[in-house]
Amino acid sequence: MRTFESIGLGIPEILLPKAGVNLTKWAVIACDQYTSEPEYWQKAADLVGDAPSTLNIIYPEVYLGEKNPEARIARIRESMNRYLALALSSAAEGLIYVERAAGGHTRKGLMACLDLEQYDFRKGSASLIRATEGTIMDRIPPRVKIREGAPIESPHIMVLVDDPAQTVIGPLAASKAKLRKLYDFDLMLGSGRLAGYRIENAELEAGVLDGLRALADPKSFVEKYGLEPDAPVLLFAMGDGNHSLATAKTIWDKVKESAPGKSAIMASPLRYALVELVNLHDEALVFEPIHRVLFDLAAGPGLVEKMNEFYPGNCRWSAAASMEKMKAAVDQPKDGAHKIGTISAAGFGILEIARPASNLPVGTLQSFLDAFIKAGGAREIDYVHGTESVVQIGKKLGNVGLYLPAMKKDELFRTVILDGALPRKTFSLGEAYEKRFYMEARKLF
């Protein structure tokens, strides 16, 4: 792998499925989707059958509570080794330009490796690669068990660059007709289409590197965001898959710390992680909110009463006649109050919190929910992508769905630079079915 340390980038050797592998069955959606909908994953399993599939090398989070996770992890390892021998092609070095069609638009991306030495997911980080949201630390250990010692990685990670002039990925899209197509197929269960093209032209590759170097230029960076002259550069901001990248970082730090010779270990494949780079200004990139669902609310004072106690004198709830009216009130607030939709078996409603201390409604809600869950107000909380899912799950007896508005994507980089990571699970890049699918792989050992 060729590496470019000043921009934290590596040009990887990527594995792809061999000719004859059914790509629709091979590619599977990110493991952290449909976490409260086991029926989705059963449909995927029924479709895949015995065919080679990334379904067999990931751990869908819907199953994280099962009694014997070690058995699933053992099957994942077995599948990885079998696919290395039988289903994956020889690795070929080079960037891959990808197009993801879904929902009537096409998102453009670039498969590359990022240097974990230049990534820090802790709050207040000033690294070249940064988390955009708070990391849920108890989600790291289960992922470490899966990745630690794994012979390959296949990512669902999407990382953003703030490139309004379209200098990095734009020229690749303009040259698509001249690129060698590697794959082009329909994704399973109505999730759109995926195509990939090899970047073999040295001039195009150099253009990518030059574009990233320009974005990382310290002088241009501080001028762009109006910062102090010595402000550390943020080049890559997490979009999706922060916990997966944090897992790779955790393993890398552990391996590096225990290595007898630090100079030799610095060339390890574990130092890098395969990701898809996407331009924040891609027209197809839509910031969607991540909603909350509470399961099995405790007896006694309800959610609204407890929120009134948490925000005394500032919180009120009103019924909404329909989902559409609830969404309109939350998505288009007319004053400075934060509004959050509620969904339950009894119907729809709107929580309104006046004079909020947080900048975003998700911060206002999450501060309360952390205390509410800790006090035993509900058995469990889940983070749900998509309006349909939060409504469907929230309506079940004993549950409450909490509908949140989307943040403006243009605020992302500047907010992370000035304020640090956003509240955890603040935004999602598109609806659940539009998420990145596992397709490409990279050998780790």
Protein backbone atom coordinates (compact mmCIF):
# COMPACT_ATOMS: atom_id res chain seq x y z
CA MET A 1 0.00 0.00 0.00
CA ARG A 2 1.29 3.43 -0.93
CA THR A 3 0.81 5.94 1.88
CA PHE A 4 0.67 9.73 2.10
CA GLU A 5 1.14 10.63 5.74
CA SER A 6 0.61 14.39 5.39
CA ILE A 7 -3.03 13.75 4.43
CA GLY A 8 -3.51 10.52 6.39
CA LEU A 9 -4.31 8.52 3.26
CA GLY A 10 -3.34 5.12 1.92
CA ILE A 11 -3.99 3.65 -1.53
CA PRO A 12 -5.12 0.15 -0.66
CA GLU A 13 -5.01 -3.30 -2.19
CA ILE A 14 -8.70 -4.14 -2.46
CA LEU A 15 -10.30 -7.57 -2.71
CA LEU A 16 -13.48 -8.03 -4.74
CA PRO A 17 -15.73 -11.05 -5.26
CA LYS A 18 -14.62 -13.43 -8.00
CA ALA A 19 -16.49 -13.74 -11.28
CA GLY A 20 -19.55 -15.90 -10.79
CA VAL A 21 -20.35 -14.68 -7.27
CA ASN A 22 -23.89 -13.28 -7.15
CA LEU A 23 -23.21 -9.66 -6.12
CA THR A 24 -26.80 -8.97 -5.08
CA LYS A 25 -26.45 -11.75 -2.52
CA TRP A 26 -22.84 -10.81 -1.66
CA ALA A 27 -23.46 -7.16 -0.69
CA VAL A 28 -25.35 -6.55 2.57
CA ILE A 29 -26.37 -3.36 4.34
CA ALA A 30 -24.44 -1.94 7.34
CA CYS A 31 -24.66 -4.03 10.52
CA ASP A 32 -26.05 -1.12 12.58
CA GLN A 33 -29.23 -0.77 10.50
CA TYR A 34 -32.68 -2.23 11.26
CA THR A 35 -31.53 -2.95 14.82
CA SER A 36 -35.10 -3.40 16.08
CA GLU A 37 -36.37 -5.18 12.95
CA PRO A 38 -35.15 -8.78 12.91
CA GLU A 39 -37.57 -9.46 10.08
CA TYR A 40 -35.35 -7.41 7.72
CA TRP A 41 -32.32 -9.56 8.53
CA GLN A 42 -34.35 -12.74 8.16
CA LYS A 43 -35.38 -11.61 4.67
CA ALA A 44 -31.72 -10.99 3.85
CA ALA A 45 -30.76 -14.45 5.15
CA ASP A 46 -33.56 -16.09 3.15
CA LEU A 47 -32.40 -14.30 0.00
CA VAL A 48 -28.72 -15.22 0.52
CA GLY A 49 -29.26 -18.90 1.33
CA ASP A 50 -25.96 -20.77 0.98
CA ALA A 51 -24.38 -18.26 -1.43
CA PRO A 52 -21.18 -16.35 -0.51
CA SER A 53 -22.25 -13.16 1.26
CA THR A 54 -20.91 -10.47 3.53
CA LEU A 55 -23.91 -11.35 5.71
CA ASN A 56 -21.73 -14.21 6.95
CA ILE A 57 -18.76 -12.00 7.88
CA ILE A 58 -20.59 -9.29 9.85
CA TYR A 59 -22.47 -9.27 13.15
CA PRO A 60 -25.83 -7.51 12.64
CA GLU A 61 -26.46 -5.52 15.81
CA VAL A 62 -30.03 -6.80 15.99
CA TYR A 63 -28.47 -10.03 17.33
CA LEU A 64 -26.08 -8.51 19.87
CA GLY A 65 -28.23 -9.65 22.79
CA GLU A 66 -28.23 -13.32 21.82
CA LYS A 67 -27.07 -15.88 24.38
CA ASN A 68 -24.03 -17.29 22.56
CA PRO A 69 -22.29 -14.53 20.59
CA GLU A 70 -19.05 -16.53 20.51
CA ALA A 71 -20.66 -19.11 18.24
CA ARG A 72 -21.62 -16.43 15.71
CA ILE A 73 -18.13 -14.89 15.87
CA ALA A 74 -16.61 -18.33 15.22
CA ARG A 75 -18.83 -18.70 12.15
CA ILE A 76 -17.77 -15.23 10.98
CA ARG A 77 -14.08 -16.21 11.23
CA GLU A 78 -14.74 -19.45 9.38
CA SER A 79 -16.56 -17.60 6.60
CA MET A 80 -13.78 -15.00 6.27
CA ASN A 81 -11.14 -17.69 5.82
CA ARG A 82 -13.31 -19.64 3.38
CA TYR A 83 -14.02 -16.54 1.30
CA LEU A 84 -10.34 -15.61 1.18
CA ALA A 85 -9.66 -19.00 -0.37
CA LEU A 86 -12.71 -19.42 -2.60
CA ALA A 87 -14.77 -16.27 -3.15
CA LEU A 88 -12.46 -13.24 -3.25
CA SER A 89 -10.16 -12.23 -6.08
CA SER A 90 -6.48 -11.38 -5.74
CA ALA A 91 -5.92 -7.95 -4.25
CA ALA A 92 -5.30 -5.10 -6.70
CA GLU A 93 -3.84 -1.78 -5.56
CA GLY A 94 -5.73 1.36 -6.46
CA LEU A 95 -8.50 3.75 -5.54
CA ILE A 96 -12.04 2.83 -6.55
CA TYR A 97 -14.65 5.41 -7.55
CA VAL A 98 -18.14 4.28 -6.50
CA GLU A 99 -21.67 5.39 -7.30
CA ARG A 100 -24.62 4.50 -5.09
CA ALA A 101 -28.05 5.01 -6.65
CA ALA A 102 -31.06 5.09 -4.31
CA GLY A 103 -34.21 7.13 -3.84
CA GLY A 104 -33.89 8.82 -7.24
CA HIS A 105 -30.38 10.21 -6.71
CA THR A 106 -26.79 8.98 -6.98
CA ARG A 107 -24.16 9.47 -4.28
CA LYS A 108 -20.52 9.52 -5.38
CA GLY A 109 -17.66 8.17 -3.29
CA LEU A 110 -14.05 7.01 -3.26
CA MET A 111 -12.68 3.85 -1.64
CA ALA A 112 -9.40 4.56 0.16
CA CYS A 113 -7.59 3.83 3.42
CA LEU A 114 -7.25 6.26 6.33
CA ASP A 115 -4.35 6.32 8.79
CA LEU A 116 -5.56 5.41 12.29
CA GLU A 117 -2.52 7.18 13.72
CA GLN A 118 -4.26 10.40 12.71
CA TYR A 119 -7.69 9.53 14.11
CA ASP A 120 -8.86 10.22 17.66
CA PHE A 121 -12.51 9.58 18.56
CA ARG A 122 -12.25 11.07 22.05
CA LYS A 123 -14.21 14.23 22.86
CA GLY A 124 -12.15 17.37 22.22
CA SER A 125 -9.92 15.69 19.65
CA ALA A 126 -7.83 17.91 17.37
CA SER A 127 -6.70 15.14 15.00
CA LEU A 128 -6.76 15.22 11.18
CA ILE A 129 -9.55 12.62 11.26
CA ARG A 130 -12.26 13.23 13.86
CA ALA A 131 -15.50 11.80 15.16
CA THR A 132 -18.50 14.04 14.54
CA GLU A 133 -20.66 12.51 17.27
CA GLY A 134 -20.11 11.18 20.76
CA THR A 135 -18.90 7.58 20.78
CA ILE A 136 -20.98 5.07 22.75
CA MET A 137 -18.13 3.25 24.47
CA ASP A 138 -20.06 0.07 25.31
CA ARG A 139 -20.54 -0.52 21.59
CA ILE A 140 -16.78 -0.92 21.09
CA PRO A 141 -16.01 -4.21 22.95
CA PRO A 142 -18.43 -6.43 20.94
CA ARG A 143 -16.97 -5.06 17.71
CA VAL A 144 -13.41 -5.60 18.96
CA LYS A 145 -14.23 -9.30 19.49
CA ILE A 146 -15.25 -9.54 15.84
CA ARG A 147 -12.41 -7.55 14.25
CA GLU A 148 -9.55 -8.61 16.52
CA GLY A 149 -7.62 -11.32 14.67
CA ALA A 150 -9.97 -11.14 11.66
CA PRO A 151 -8.11 -11.89 8.39
CA ILE A 152 -10.12 -9.35 6.36
CA GLU A 153 -12.15 -6.17 6.78
CA SER A 154 -15.15 -5.10 4.74
CA PRO A 155 -16.32 -1.61 5.67
CA HIS A 156 -19.59 0.24 5.93
CA ILE A 157 -17.66 3.36 7.03
CA MET A 158 -18.33 6.65 5.23
CA VAL A 159 -16.05 9.64 5.89
CA LEU A 160 -16.75 13.21 4.76
CA VAL A 161 -14.58 15.89 3.19
CA ASP A 162 -15.72 19.53 3.05
CA ASP A 163 -15.04 20.23 -0.63
CA PRO A 164 -17.51 22.78 -2.03
CA ALA A 165 -15.47 23.20 -5.24
CA GLN A 166 -15.72 19.42 -5.94
CA THR A 167 -11.94 19.10 -6.43
CA VAL A 168 -11.41 15.59 -5.03
CA ILE A 169 -14.22 13.34 -6.32
CA GLY A 170 -15.71 15.64 -8.97
CA PRO A 171 -13.03 14.95 -11.63
CA LEU A 172 -13.53 11.19 -11.16
CA ALA A 173 -17.25 11.50 -11.83
CA ALA A 174 -16.52 13.61 -14.92
CA SER A 175 -14.13 10.93 -16.22
CA LYS A 176 -16.36 7.93 -15.46
CA ALA A 177 -16.76 6.95 -19.10
CA LYS A 178 -12.99 6.40 -19.37
CA LEU A 179 -12.69 4.28 -16.22
CA ARG A 180 -12.70 0.47 -16.07
CA LYS A 181 -15.95 -0.73 -14.55
CA LEU A 182 -15.45 -3.32 -11.81
CA TYR A 183 -19.06 -3.99 -10.82
CA ASP A 184 -22.56 -2.66 -11.45
CA PHE A 185 -25.55 -4.44 -9.90
CA ASP A 186 -28.85 -4.13 -8.03
CA LEU A 187 -28.67 -4.23 -4.23
CA MET A 188 -30.95 -6.55 -2.29
CA LEU A 189 -34.39 -5.73 -0.88
CA GLY A 190 -35.02 -2.62 -2.99
CA SER A 191 -31.99 -0.65 -1.80
CA GLY A 192 -30.94 0.72 -5.19
CA ARG A 193 -27.84 0.06 -7.27
CA LEU A 194 -24.06 0.07 -6.75
CA ALA A 195 -21.29 0.56 -9.32
CA GLY A 196 -17.51 0.77 -8.94
CA TYR A 197 -14.69 1.91 -11.24
CA ARG A 198 -10.93 1.45 -10.93
CA ILE A 199 -8.76 4.59 -10.89
CA GLU A 200 -5.80 3.49 -13.06
CA ASN A 201 -4.95 6.86 -14.57
CA ALA A 202 -1.95 8.39 -12.73
CA GLU A 203 -3.12 11.91 -13.49
CA LEU A 204 -6.57 11.30 -11.97
CA GLU A 205 -5.01 9.75 -8.88
CA ALA A 206 -2.62 12.71 -8.53
CA GLY A 207 -5.60 15.04 -8.79
CA VAL A 208 -7.26 13.32 -5.82
CA LEU A 209 -4.10 13.68 -3.74
CA ASP A 210 -3.61 17.32 -4.74
CA GLY A 211 -7.24 18.10 -3.91
CA LEU A 212 -6.87 16.63 -0.43
CA ARG A 213 -3.56 18.42 0.13
CA ALA A 214 -5.23 21.72 -0.75
CA LEU A 215 -8.08 21.07 1.71
CA ALA A 216 -5.50 20.24 4.39
CA ASP A 217 -3.38 23.35 3.81
CA PRO A 218 -3.25 25.07 7.24
CA LYS A 219 -3.52 28.61 5.89
CA SER A 220 -6.47 27.83 3.62
CA PHE A 221 -8.13 25.88 6.43
CA VAL A 222 -8.10 28.73 8.97
CA GLU A 223 -9.29 31.21 6.34
CA LYS A 224 -12.12 28.92 5.27
CA TYR A 225 -13.57 28.64 8.79
CA GLY A 226 -12.38 31.95 10.26
CA LEU A 227 -10.13 30.33 12.88
CA GLU A 228 -7.03 31.25 14.83
CA PRO A 229 -3.78 30.79 12.81
CA ASP A 230 -2.65 27.71 14.74
CA ALA A 231 -5.96 25.82 14.63
CA PRO A 232 -5.35 22.11 13.91
CA VAL A 233 -6.66 20.97 10.53
CA LEU A 234 -9.77 18.80 10.27
CA LEU A 235 -9.62 17.06 6.89
CA PHE A 236 -11.81 13.99 7.41
CA ALA A 237 -15.00 14.01 9.50
CA MET A 238 -16.90 10.83 10.30
CA GLY A 239 -20.18 10.36 8.48
CA ASP A 240 -21.29 6.78 9.13
CA GLY A 241 -19.53 3.95 10.91
CA ASN A 242 -17.83 5.89 13.69
CA HIS A 243 -17.98 2.89 16.02
CA SER A 244 -16.42 0.63 13.41
CA LEU A 245 -13.55 3.07 12.86
CA ALA A 246 -13.20 3.50 16.62
CA THR A 247 -12.95 -0.29 16.88
CA ALA A 248 -10.18 -0.40 14.29
CA LYS A 249 -8.38 2.38 16.19
CA THR A 250 -8.75 0.52 19.50
CA ILE A 251 -7.23 -2.64 18.03
CA TRP A 252 -4.43 -0.73 16.33
CA ASP A 253 -3.46 1.05 19.55
CA LYS A 254 -3.47 -2.27 21.41
CA VAL A 255 -1.28 -3.98 18.78
CA LYS A 256 1.11 -1.04 18.63
CA GLU A 257 1.45 -0.90 22.40
CA SER A 258 2.33 -4.59 22.68
CA ALA A 259 4.67 -4.72 19.66
CA PRO A 260 8.33 -5.41 20.52
CA GLY A 261 9.58 -3.19 17.69
CA LYS A 262 7.66 0.03 17.08
CA SER A 263 9.30 0.84 13.72
CA ALA A 264 8.30 -2.50 12.18
CA ILE A 265 4.71 -2.42 13.42
CA MET A 266 4.12 1.03 11.90
CA ALA A 267 3.95 -0.61 8.46
CA SER A 268 1.23 -3.05 9.59
CA PRO A 269 -2.02 -3.19 7.57
CA LEU A 270 -3.80 -2.75 10.92
CA ARG A 271 -2.63 0.85 11.02
CA TYR A 272 -5.11 1.68 8.25
CA ALA A 273 -8.84 1.19 7.74
CA LEU A 274 -10.70 0.93 4.45
CA VAL A 275 -13.43 3.59 4.09
CA GLU A 276 -15.54 5.37 1.51
CA LEU A 277 -14.82 9.09 1.19
CA VAL A 278 -17.82 11.26 0.28
CA ASN A 279 -18.03 15.00 -0.32
CA LEU A 280 -20.23 16.79 2.20
CA HIS A 281 -21.52 18.87 -0.73
CA ASP A 282 -22.62 15.90 -2.84
CA GLU A 283 -26.19 16.79 -3.83
CA ALA A 284 -27.30 13.22 -3.12
CA LEU A 285 -25.97 13.32 0.43
CA VAL A 286 -28.89 14.05 2.72
CA PHE A 287 -28.62 14.39 6.49
CA GLU A 288 -31.40 12.39 8.12
CA PRO A 289 -32.13 12.44 11.85
CA ILE A 290 -31.62 9.37 14.02
CA HIS A 291 -34.76 8.87 16.09
CA ARG A 292 -35.08 7.16 19.48
CA VAL A 293 -37.36 4.35 20.65
CA LEU A 294 -37.92 3.49 24.31
CA PHE A 295 -38.99 -0.08 25.07
CA ASP A 296 -41.16 -1.23 27.97
CA LEU A 297 -41.66 2.01 29.88
CA ALA A 298 -41.77 1.56 33.64
CA ALA A 299 -44.96 1.95 35.65
CA GLY A 300 -45.49 5.24 37.44
CA PRO A 301 -44.89 8.76 36.14
CA GLY A 302 -44.65 8.75 32.36
CA LEU A 303 -42.15 10.22 29.93
CA VAL A 304 -43.80 13.64 29.74
CA GLU A 305 -44.06 13.99 33.52
CA LYS A 306 -40.41 13.04 33.94
CA MET A 307 -39.32 15.49 31.25
CA ASN A 308 -41.29 18.22 33.04
CA GLU A 309 -39.28 17.42 36.17
CA PHE A 310 -36.02 17.49 34.21
CA TYR A 311 -36.84 20.81 32.48
CA PRO A 312 -39.10 22.45 35.12
CA GLY A 313 -41.32 25.16 33.74
CA ASN A 314 -39.93 24.76 30.20
CA CYS A 315 -41.58 21.60 28.90
CA ARG A 316 -45.07 21.00 27.58
CA TRP A 317 -46.75 18.30 25.47
CA SER A 318 -49.62 18.56 23.02
CA ALA A 319 -51.43 15.97 20.91
CA ALA A 320 -51.00 15.90 17.13
CA ALA A 321 -53.87 14.83 14.89
CA SER A 322 -51.62 12.85 12.53
CA MET A 323 -48.05 11.84 11.76
CA GLU A 324 -47.92 14.54 9.08
CA LYS A 325 -48.90 17.29 11.54
CA MET A 326 -46.37 16.01 14.06
CA LYS A 327 -43.60 15.99 11.44
CA ALA A 328 -44.47 19.49 10.22
CA ALA A 329 -44.31 20.93 13.74
CA VAL A 330 -40.95 19.26 14.46
CA ASP A 331 -39.29 19.80 11.08
CA GLN A 332 -40.33 23.45 10.74
CA PRO A 333 -40.34 25.05 14.20
CA LYS A 334 -41.55 28.65 14.27
CA ASP A 335 -39.74 29.82 17.41
CA GLY A 336 -36.63 29.14 19.41
CA ALA A 337 -38.09 26.18 21.28
CA HIS A 338 -36.95 22.63 20.59
CA LYS A 339 -39.71 20.31 19.37
CA ILE A 340 -39.66 16.51 19.44
CA GLY A 341 -42.36 14.21 18.12
CA THR A 342 -43.80 11.39 20.22
CA ILE A 343 -45.31 8.16 18.87
CA SER A 344 -47.10 5.61 21.03
CA ALA A 345 -50.04 3.22 20.92
CA ALA A 346 -52.20 6.20 21.98
CA GLY A 347 -51.21 8.32 18.94
CA PHE A 348 -48.92 11.21 18.05
CA GLY A 349 -47.80 14.23 20.03
CA ILE A 350 -45.28 17.07 20.26
CA LEU A 351 -42.89 17.76 23.12
CA GLU A 352 -41.82 21.41 23.27
CA ILE A 353 -38.88 22.55 25.41
CA ALA A 354 -38.56 26.33 25.78
CA ARG A 355 -35.25 28.10 26.43
CA PRO A 356 -33.12 25.02 25.62
CA ALA A 357 -29.50 24.90 26.78
CA SER A 358 -28.35 22.69 23.88
CA ASN A 359 -27.87 23.96 20.34
CA LEU A 360 -29.75 21.04 18.78
CA PRO A 361 -33.00 19.26 19.76
CA VAL A 362 -31.12 15.96 19.83
CA GLY A 363 -28.87 17.35 22.58
CA THR A 364 -31.87 18.51 24.60
CA LEU A 365 -33.52 15.10 24.28
CA GLN A 366 -30.43 12.97 24.87
CA SER A 367 -29.52 14.78 28.09
CA PHE A 368 -32.91 13.86 29.47
CA LEU A 369 -32.91 10.30 28.11
CA ASP A 370 -29.54 9.47 29.68
CA ALA A 371 -30.96 10.31 33.10
CA PHE A 372 -34.33 8.70 32.35
CA ILE A 373 -32.82 5.35 31.31
CA LYS A 374 -30.36 5.38 34.23
CA ALA A 375 -33.29 5.84 36.63
CA GLY A 376 -35.08 2.82 35.15
CA GLY A 377 -37.68 4.76 33.18
CA ALA A 378 -37.56 2.20 30.35
CA ARG A 379 -36.01 -1.21 29.79
CA GLU A 380 -34.01 -0.21 26.74
CA ILE A 381 -33.34 2.53 24.19
CA ASP A 382 -32.63 2.04 20.50
CA TYR A 383 -31.49 4.47 17.81
CA VAL A 384 -33.65 4.14 14.71
CA HIS A 385 -33.17 5.33 11.13
CA GLY A 386 -36.20 6.37 9.10
CA THR A 387 -39.66 7.75 9.85
CA GLU A 388 -41.42 4.51 8.95
CA SER A 389 -39.34 2.50 11.43
CA VAL A 390 -39.75 4.87 14.39
CA VAL A 391 -43.51 5.03 13.82
CA GLN A 392 -43.91 1.28 13.39
CA ILE A 393 -41.86 0.40 16.50
CA GLY A 394 -43.05 3.34 18.61
CA LYS A 395 -46.71 2.35 18.17
CA LYS A 396 -46.21 -1.03 19.81
CA LEU A 397 -47.78 -1.27 23.24
CA GLY A 398 -45.35 -0.27 25.99
CA ASN A 399 -43.01 1.60 23.62
CA VAL A 400 -42.56 5.27 22.78
CA GLY A 401 -40.96 6.57 19.61
CA LEU A 402 -39.24 9.97 19.64
CA TYR A 403 -39.05 11.74 16.29
CA LEU A 404 -36.27 14.29 15.75
CA PRO A 405 -35.57 16.90 13.04
CA ALA A 406 -32.52 16.75 10.79
CA MET A 407 -29.56 19.08 11.27
CA LYS A 408 -28.25 21.21 8.38
CA LYS A 409 -25.24 19.47 6.87
CA ASP A 410 -23.43 22.75 6.12
CA GLU A 411 -23.09 23.23 9.89
CA LEU A 412 -21.16 20.00 10.44
CA PHE A 413 -17.47 20.80 9.98
CA ARG A 414 -17.58 24.21 11.63
CA THR A 415 -19.55 22.83 14.61
CA VAL A 416 -17.10 19.96 15.12
CA ILE A 417 -14.12 22.33 14.81
CA LEU A 418 -15.49 24.88 17.30
CA ASP A 419 -17.57 22.76 19.68
CA GLY A 420 -16.19 19.24 19.34
CA ALA A 421 -18.27 16.14 18.70
CA LEU A 422 -22.04 16.47 18.48
CA PRO A 423 -24.35 14.48 20.79
CA ARG A 424 -24.16 10.79 19.91
CA LYS A 425 -26.43 9.55 17.16
CA THR A 426 -27.23 13.07 15.93
CA PHE A 427 -27.53 12.44 12.20
CA SER A 428 -27.54 9.74 9.57
CA LEU A 429 -26.46 9.95 5.95
CA GLY A 430 -29.74 9.10 4.27
CA GLU A 431 -32.49 6.67 5.20
CA ALA A 432 -31.70 3.14 6.36
CA TYR A 433 -32.06 1.56 2.89
CA GLU A 434 -29.65 4.15 1.42
CA LYS A 435 -26.78 3.18 3.71
CA ARG A 436 -23.47 1.85 2.54
CA PHE A 437 -23.43 -1.87 1.73
CA TYR A 438 -20.48 -4.15 2.43
CA MET A 439 -18.86 -4.87 -0.93
CA GLU A 440 -15.08 -4.35 -1.08
CA ALA A 441 -12.67 -6.07 1.32
CA ARG A 442 -9.04 -5.75 2.40
CA LYS A 443 -6.66 -8.34 3.83
CA LEU A 444 -5.43 -7.59 7.35
CA PHE A 445 -3.18 -10.62 7.92
